[in-house]
């Protein structure tokens, strides 16, 4: 059963499914921060490079399966399947929103 996500988060996962890097960038505030695989990416240019790198390194699909609140964060658990070691895996996508944009995203276990 699909879960109901705040619009910026739903837009992020939709853009991720379509591998549309420009649509993903539009989900983020200009000074947004993404933390993934032990690295920190700040701003649209860095996030664009991060996303292009991830998409060239792995073929994957992330399907949100649960959402919870953790203080000011929305924590989305997603089942991620693809051509990477350990697939499938459930990852936590921790979002902080600022209006209709993502201000921060941290991806991890």
Protein backbone atom coordinates (compact mmCIF):
# COMPACT_ATOMS: atom_id res chain seq x y z
CA UNK A 1 0.00 0.00 0.00
CA UNK A 2 1.49 3.37 -0.98
CA UNK A 3 2.33 5.75 1.85
CA UNK A 4 1.50 9.44 1.89
CA UNK A 5 4.60 11.61 1.68
CA UNK A 6 4.96 15.39 1.98
CA UNK A 7 5.04 16.83 -1.56
CA UNK A 8 8.77 17.74 -1.70
CA UNK A 9 9.66 14.20 -0.60
CA UNK A 10 7.21 12.59 -3.03
CA UNK A 11 8.69 14.76 -5.79
CA UNK A 12 12.21 13.64 -4.83
CA UNK A 13 11.36 9.93 -5.05
CA UNK A 14 9.49 10.44 -8.34
CA UNK A 15 12.48 12.28 -9.86
CA UNK A 16 14.81 9.58 -8.50
CA UNK A 17 12.70 6.85 -10.14
CA UNK A 18 12.85 8.63 -13.49
CA UNK A 19 16.60 9.38 -13.07
CA UNK A 20 15.84 13.02 -13.91
CA UNK A 21 18.74 14.94 -12.36
CA UNK A 22 17.23 18.37 -13.10
CA UNK A 23 13.95 17.39 -11.43
CA UNK A 24 15.89 16.19 -8.40
CA UNK A 25 17.76 19.51 -8.16
CA UNK A 26 14.43 21.39 -8.24
CA UNK A 27 13.43 19.50 -5.06
CA UNK A 28 16.28 21.08 -3.07
CA UNK A 29 16.83 24.53 -1.60
CA UNK A 30 19.81 26.34 -3.17
CA UNK A 31 21.99 25.79 -0.08
CA UNK A 32 20.70 22.29 0.71
CA UNK A 33 22.94 19.60 2.18
CA UNK A 34 23.01 15.92 1.19
CA UNK A 35 24.92 13.35 3.25
CA UNK A 36 25.43 9.96 1.62
CA UNK A 37 28.13 7.29 1.72
CA UNK A 38 30.10 9.26 4.30
CA UNK A 39 30.30 12.42 2.18
CA UNK A 40 28.65 15.84 2.46
CA UNK A 41 27.38 17.70 -0.62
CA UNK A 42 26.29 21.35 -0.29
CA UNK A 43 24.37 23.35 -2.88
CA UNK A 44 22.86 22.56 -6.26
CA UNK A 45 26.15 21.99 -8.12
CA UNK A 46 27.48 19.55 -5.52
CA UNK A 47 24.13 17.74 -5.29
CA UNK A 48 24.01 17.45 -9.10
CA UNK A 49 27.51 15.91 -9.09
CA UNK A 50 26.57 13.55 -6.25
CA UNK A 51 23.43 12.38 -8.04
CA UNK A 52 25.20 11.91 -11.39
CA UNK A 53 27.88 9.89 -9.62
CA UNK A 54 25.39 7.66 -7.84
CA UNK A 55 23.42 7.09 -11.05
CA UNK A 56 26.56 6.19 -13.02
CA UNK A 57 27.87 3.88 -10.27
CA UNK A 58 24.67 1.95 -9.48
CA UNK A 59 21.43 0.88 -11.09
CA UNK A 60 18.85 0.93 -8.33
CA UNK A 61 15.26 1.65 -7.38
CA UNK A 62 14.13 3.10 -4.03
CA UNK A 63 10.58 2.36 -2.92
CA UNK A 64 9.33 4.21 0.19
CA UNK A 65 7.72 1.76 2.60
CA UNK A 66 7.28 3.81 5.81
CA UNK A 67 7.47 7.35 7.14
CA UNK A 68 7.96 8.62 10.69
CA UNK A 69 8.78 11.89 12.40
CA UNK A 70 12.01 12.35 14.35
CA UNK A 71 12.00 15.89 15.74
CA UNK A 72 12.17 18.20 12.74
CA UNK A 73 13.05 15.35 10.38
CA UNK A 74 10.81 13.19 8.25
CA UNK A 75 12.38 9.73 8.17
CA UNK A 76 11.39 7.67 5.14
CA UNK A 77 12.36 4.01 5.12
CA UNK A 78 12.87 2.85 1.56
CA UNK A 79 13.56 -0.61 0.17
CA UNK A 80 16.44 -0.13 -2.25
CA UNK A 81 17.11 -2.84 -4.83
CA UNK A 82 19.75 -2.85 -7.52
CA UNK A 83 23.14 -4.01 -8.71
CA UNK A 84 25.08 -3.24 -5.55
CA UNK A 85 26.40 -5.50 -2.78
CA UNK A 86 23.76 -6.27 -0.15
CA UNK A 87 20.75 -5.62 -2.40
CA UNK A 88 17.99 -5.36 -1.41
CA UNK A 89 18.45 -3.17 1.65
CA UNK A 90 16.20 -0.89 3.69
CA UNK A 91 17.72 2.59 3.95
CA UNK A 92 16.63 5.61 5.97
CA UNK A 93 16.20 8.86 4.08
CA UNK A 94 16.18 11.63 6.70
CA UNK A 95 14.70 14.84 5.33
CA UNK A 96 14.50 18.34 6.75
CA UNK A 97 12.12 20.50 4.76
CA UNK A 98 12.12 24.26 4.34
CA UNK A 99 8.79 25.30 2.86
CA UNK A 100 8.32 23.39 -0.37
CA UNK A 101 12.03 22.42 -0.69
CA UNK A 102 14.37 19.89 0.86
CA UNK A 103 16.92 21.65 3.08
CA UNK A 104 18.75 18.50 4.18
CA UNK A 105 18.83 14.85 3.20
CA UNK A 106 20.84 12.16 4.94
CA UNK A 107 20.81 8.63 3.53
CA UNK A 108 21.99 5.71 5.64
CA UNK A 109 21.14 2.55 7.51
